Amino acid sequence: MADQKQCTVVRTGTYEGIQGGTFGAGISAQSAGSERLCLHRLVMPAGTRGRPHLHQGHESAIFIQSGQVEVWHGTDLAEHVVLRAGDHIHIPADTPHMPVNTGTEDMVCLVARTDPDEQEGVQLLDFPTWLETRLGLLPVGAG
C-alpha cells in the first residue's frame, strides 16, 4: 500500500494580499502543503478597491458570502458585473480583473484558485486611466 498523506487542519490567520484586501490564510501550499489548489476567505472593506491583477496560468472561483462587489474584468477592465451575497463568479486563467466595493458594508467571499501558492501567481497590472477617472480615488482595501 502506498504511503497515505495526512489531512491538515488550518486555524486561519490573516495576510494582506498584494492585490488588495485582507485574506484569511486558509488552504495553500504554504499553510497545508496543497499541491493544486488554494482556498481563502477575503474581506474587502466598504469604500475600497483591489489592484488590477491577473493570476498567471490559474483560474479562480469566488463565492460572495455577504455584501456586494463590482468586478471589472477583461481587456483594459472594460467589462463590469455586480455580485451580491449568494453569487459565484469564475475568472479564467490570465484574465485581468479588479474588485471594487462601493457599498456601505464589508464584502466577504471565499476565493478558490488552481494555484496552490498564496501570492506567487499574482501579476499586478496598471490601473486604466479611464477607470480611475470613473471610480475616483478609492483606497486599496486593507483590514
C-alpha atoms as a PDB file:
ATOM      1  CA  MET A   1       0.000   0.000   0.000  1.00  0.00           C
ATOM      2  CA  ALA A   2       1.310   3.472  -0.889  1.00  0.00           C
ATOM      3  CA  ASP A   3       2.150   5.950   1.851  1.00  0.00           C
ATOM      4  CA  GLN A   4      -1.011   7.737   2.963  1.00  0.00           C
ATOM      5  CA  LYS A   5      -0.891  11.515   3.131  1.00  0.00           C
ATOM      6  CA  GLN A   6      -2.347  13.128   6.222  1.00  0.00           C
ATOM      7  CA  CYS A   7      -5.148  15.688   6.403  1.00  0.00           C
ATOM      8  CA  THR A   8      -4.158  19.156   7.552  1.00  0.00           C
ATOM      9  CA  VAL A   9      -6.281  21.484   9.670  1.00  0.00           C
ATOM     10  CA  VAL A  10      -5.553  25.198   9.300  1.00  0.00           C
ATOM     11  CA  ARG A  11      -6.645  27.602  12.018  1.00  0.00           C
ATOM     12  CA  THR A  12      -6.875  30.748   9.982  1.00  0.00           C
ATOM     13  CA  GLY A  13      -4.583  33.715  10.355  1.00  0.00           C
ATOM     14  CA  THR A  14      -4.597  36.709   8.011  1.00  0.00           C
ATOM     15  CA  TYR A  15      -2.356  38.374   5.458  1.00  0.00           C
ATOM     16  CA  GLU A  16      -2.628  41.443   3.253  1.00  0.00           C
ATOM     17  CA  GLY A  17      -2.768  40.441  -0.422  1.00  0.00           C
ATOM     18  CA  ILE A  18      -0.589  42.418  -2.821  1.00  0.00           C
ATOM     19  CA  GLN A  19      -3.732  42.774  -4.947  1.00  0.00           C
ATOM     20  CA  GLY A  20      -5.601  44.437  -2.042  1.00  0.00           C
ATOM     21  CA  GLY A  21      -7.818  43.087   0.725  1.00  0.00           C
ATOM     22  CA  THR A  22      -7.290  41.068   3.864  1.00  0.00           C
ATOM     23  CA  PHE A  23      -7.160  37.335   3.293  1.00  0.00           C
ATOM     24  CA  GLY A  24      -7.905  34.669   5.863  1.00  0.00           C
ATOM     25  CA  ALA A  25      -4.978  32.301   5.369  1.00  0.00           C
ATOM     26  CA  GLY A  26      -6.806  29.098   4.514  1.00  0.00           C
ATOM     27  CA  ILE A  27      -5.564  26.185   2.451  1.00  0.00           C
ATOM     28  CA  SER A  28      -2.432  26.731   0.356  1.00  0.00           C
ATOM     29  CA  ALA A  29       0.985  25.257  -0.331  1.00  0.00           C
ATOM     30  CA  GLN A  30       2.325  27.413   2.497  1.00  0.00           C
ATOM     31  CA  SER A  31      -0.269  26.530   5.139  1.00  0.00           C
ATOM     32  CA  ALA A  32      -1.200  22.937   4.313  1.00  0.00           C
ATOM     33  CA  GLY A  33       1.186  21.610   1.684  1.00  0.00           C
ATOM     34  CA  SER A  34      -1.506  21.864  -1.001  1.00  0.00           C
ATOM     35  CA  GLU A  35      -0.279  20.897  -4.471  1.00  0.00           C
ATOM     36  CA  ARG A  36      -3.054  22.072  -6.801  1.00  0.00           C
ATOM     37  CA  LEU A  37      -5.398  24.484  -5.061  1.00  0.00           C
ATOM     38  CA  CYS A  38      -5.717  27.456  -2.763  1.00  0.00           C
ATOM     39  CA  LEU A  39      -8.809  28.395  -0.722  1.00  0.00           C
ATOM     40  CA  HIS A  40      -9.046  31.620   1.259  1.00  0.00           C
ATOM     41  CA  ARG A  41     -11.556  33.991   2.789  1.00  0.00           C
ATOM     42  CA  LEU A  42     -11.320  37.607   1.631  1.00  0.00           C
ATOM     43  CA  VAL A  43     -12.715  40.660   3.429  1.00  0.00           C
ATOM     44  CA  MET A  44     -12.905  43.862   1.381  1.00  0.00           C
ATOM     45  CA  PRO A  45     -13.914  46.888   3.444  1.00  0.00           C
ATOM     46  CA  ALA A  46     -16.693  49.170   2.211  1.00  0.00           C
ATOM     47  CA  GLY A  47     -15.432  52.018   0.045  1.00  0.00           C
ATOM     48  CA  THR A  48     -12.252  50.258  -1.122  1.00  0.00           C
ATOM     49  CA  ARG A  49     -10.932  48.513  -4.207  1.00  0.00           C
ATOM     50  CA  GLY A  50      -8.355  45.920  -5.142  1.00  0.00           C
ATOM     51  CA  ARG A  51      -5.473  46.475  -7.523  1.00  0.00           C
ATOM     52  CA  PRO A  52      -5.892  45.429 -11.154  1.00  0.00           C
ATOM     53  CA  HIS A  53      -4.275  41.992 -11.486  1.00  0.00           C
ATOM     54  CA  LEU A  54      -4.400  38.548 -13.009  1.00  0.00           C
ATOM     55  CA  HIS A  55      -3.394  35.064 -11.905  1.00  0.00           C
ATOM     56  CA  GLN A  56      -0.803  33.688 -14.344  1.00  0.00           C
ATOM     57  CA  GLY A  57      -1.895  30.297 -15.631  1.00  0.00           C
ATOM     58  CA  HIS A  58      -4.511  29.789 -12.919  1.00  0.00           C
ATOM     59  CA  GLU A  59      -8.283  30.146 -12.772  1.00  0.00           C
ATOM     60  CA  SER A  60     -10.300  31.381  -9.794  1.00  0.00           C
ATOM     61  CA  ALA A  61     -13.772  30.702  -8.427  1.00  0.00           C
ATOM     62  CA  ILE A  62     -15.317  33.133  -5.942  1.00  0.00           C
ATOM     63  CA  PHE A  63     -18.432  32.831  -3.761  1.00  0.00           C
ATOM     64  CA  ILE A  64     -19.835  36.029  -2.227  1.00  0.00           C
ATOM     65  CA  GLN A  65     -20.844  35.314   1.386  1.00  0.00           C
ATOM     66  CA  SER A  66     -22.033  38.807   2.335  1.00  0.00           C
ATOM     67  CA  GLY A  67     -22.097  42.338   0.989  1.00  0.00           C
ATOM     68  CA  GLN A  68     -21.634  43.132  -2.660  1.00  0.00           C
ATOM     69  CA  VAL A  69     -18.741  43.818  -5.012  1.00  0.00           C
ATOM     70  CA  GLU A  70     -18.276  45.148  -8.512  1.00  0.00           C
ATOM     71  CA  VAL A  71     -15.807  43.192 -10.607  1.00  0.00           C
ATOM     72  CA  TRP A  72     -14.175  44.994 -13.521  1.00  0.00           C
ATOM     73  CA  HIS A  73     -12.594  42.443 -15.863  1.00  0.00           C
ATOM     74  CA  GLY A  74     -11.280  41.647 -19.311  1.00  0.00           C
ATOM     75  CA  THR A  75      -9.087  43.680 -21.636  1.00  0.00           C
ATOM     76  CA  ASP A  76      -8.491  47.156 -20.156  1.00  0.00           C
ATOM     77  CA  LEU A  77     -11.010  46.129 -17.430  1.00  0.00           C
ATOM     78  CA  ALA A  78     -13.779  47.144 -19.836  1.00  0.00           C
ATOM     79  CA  GLU A  79     -16.312  44.540 -18.627  1.00  0.00           C
ATOM     80  CA  HIS A  80     -18.307  45.035 -15.427  1.00  0.00           C
ATOM     81  CA  VAL A  81     -20.547  42.894 -13.223  1.00  0.00           C
ATOM     82  CA  VAL A  82     -22.106  43.442  -9.784  1.00  0.00           C
ATOM     83  CA  LEU A  83     -22.120  40.436  -7.438  1.00  0.00           C
ATOM     84  CA  ARG A  84     -24.247  40.061  -4.303  1.00  0.00           C
ATOM     85  CA  ALA A  85     -24.397  37.567  -1.443  1.00  0.00           C
ATOM     86  CA  GLY A  86     -25.018  34.086  -2.850  1.00  0.00           C
ATOM     87  CA  ASP A  87     -23.444  34.814  -6.275  1.00  0.00           C
ATOM     88  CA  HIS A  88     -20.480  32.939  -7.748  1.00  0.00           C
ATOM     89  CA  ILE A  89     -18.012  34.094 -10.406  1.00  0.00           C
ATOM     90  CA  HIS A  90     -15.466  32.111 -12.426  1.00  0.00           C
ATOM     91  CA  ILE A  91     -12.369  34.031 -13.551  1.00  0.00           C
ATOM     92  CA  PRO A  92     -10.457  32.206 -16.289  1.00  0.00           C
ATOM     93  CA  ALA A  93      -6.668  31.969 -16.097  1.00  0.00           C
ATOM     94  CA  ASP A  94      -4.762  35.095 -17.172  1.00  0.00           C
ATOM     95  CA  THR A  95      -7.907  37.274 -17.113  1.00  0.00           C
ATOM     96  CA  PRO A  96      -7.352  40.820 -15.817  1.00  0.00           C
ATOM     97  CA  HIS A  97      -9.772  41.748 -13.034  1.00  0.00           C
ATOM     98  CA  MET A  98     -10.248  44.171 -10.154  1.00  0.00           C
ATOM     99  CA  PRO A  99     -12.832  44.042  -7.340  1.00  0.00           C
ATOM    100  CA  VAL A 100     -14.414  47.273  -6.108  1.00  0.00           C
ATOM    101  CA  ASN A 101     -16.606  47.629  -3.015  1.00  0.00           C
ATOM    102  CA  THR A 102     -18.597  50.835  -3.401  1.00  0.00           C
ATOM    103  CA  GLY A 103     -21.196  49.539  -0.913  1.00  0.00           C
ATOM    104  CA  THR A 104     -21.748  50.518   2.711  1.00  0.00           C
ATOM    105  CA  GLU A 105     -20.793  47.162   4.239  1.00  0.00           C
ATOM    106  CA  ASP A 106     -17.738  44.943   4.049  1.00  0.00           C
ATOM    107  CA  MET A 107     -17.792  42.286   1.350  1.00  0.00           C
ATOM    108  CA  VAL A 108     -16.807  38.782   2.472  1.00  0.00           C
ATOM    109  CA  CYS A 109     -16.124  35.994  -0.007  1.00  0.00           C
ATOM    110  CA  LEU A 110     -14.432  32.622  -0.426  1.00  0.00           C
ATOM    111  CA  VAL A 111     -11.753  32.508  -3.117  1.00  0.00           C
ATOM    112  CA  ALA A 112     -10.532  29.240  -4.656  1.00  0.00           C
ATOM    113  CA  ARG A 113      -7.677  29.139  -7.167  1.00  0.00           C
ATOM    114  CA  THR A 114      -5.872  26.385  -9.017  1.00  0.00           C
ATOM    115  CA  ASP A 115      -2.592  27.987  -7.870  1.00  0.00           C
ATOM    116  CA  PRO A 116      -1.561  26.435  -4.531  1.00  0.00           C
ATOM    117  CA  ASP A 117       0.742  29.378  -3.729  1.00  0.00           C
ATOM    118  CA  GLU A 118      -0.863  32.262  -1.892  1.00  0.00           C
ATOM    119  CA  GLN A 119       0.648  35.127  -3.898  1.00  0.00           C
ATOM    120  CA  GLU A 120       3.251  33.888  -6.392  1.00  0.00           C
ATOM    121  CA  GLY A 121       0.918  33.751  -9.418  1.00  0.00           C
ATOM    122  CA  VAL A 122      -0.458  37.277  -8.849  1.00  0.00           C
ATOM    123  CA  GLN A 123       0.643  39.747 -11.517  1.00  0.00           C
ATOM    124  CA  LEU A 124      -0.248  43.380 -10.828  1.00  0.00           C
ATOM    125  CA  LEU A 125      -1.433  45.471 -13.784  1.00  0.00           C
ATOM    126  CA  ASP A 126      -1.702  49.189 -14.491  1.00  0.00           C
ATOM    127  CA  PHE A 127      -4.898  50.929 -13.409  1.00  0.00           C
ATOM    128  CA  PRO A 128      -6.592  52.103 -16.646  1.00  0.00           C
ATOM    129  CA  THR A 129      -6.826  55.897 -16.648  1.00  0.00           C
ATOM    130  CA  TRP A 130     -10.414  55.825 -17.896  1.00  0.00           C
ATOM    131  CA  LEU A 131     -11.475  53.639 -14.939  1.00  0.00           C
ATOM    132  CA  GLU A 132      -9.578  55.697 -12.374  1.00  0.00           C
ATOM    133  CA  THR A 133     -11.467  58.744 -13.655  1.00  0.00           C
ATOM    134  CA  ARG A 134     -14.786  56.887 -13.327  1.00  0.00           C
ATOM    135  CA  LEU A 135     -14.185  55.399  -9.844  1.00  0.00           C
ATOM    136  CA  GLY A 136     -12.304  58.260  -8.264  1.00  0.00           C
ATOM    137  CA  LEU A 137      -9.690  57.840  -5.582  1.00  0.00           C
ATOM    138  CA  LEU A 138     -10.993  54.787  -3.723  1.00  0.00           C
ATOM    139  CA  PRO A 139      -8.240  53.432  -1.471  1.00  0.00           C
ATOM    140  CA  VAL A 140      -6.884  49.934  -1.970  1.00  0.00           C
ATOM    141  CA  GLY A 141      -8.624  47.655   0.550  1.00  0.00           C
ATOM    142  CA  ALA A 142      -6.832  46.527   3.670  1.00  0.00           C
ATOM    143  CA  GLY A 143      -8.031  45.264   7.004  1.00  0.00           C
END
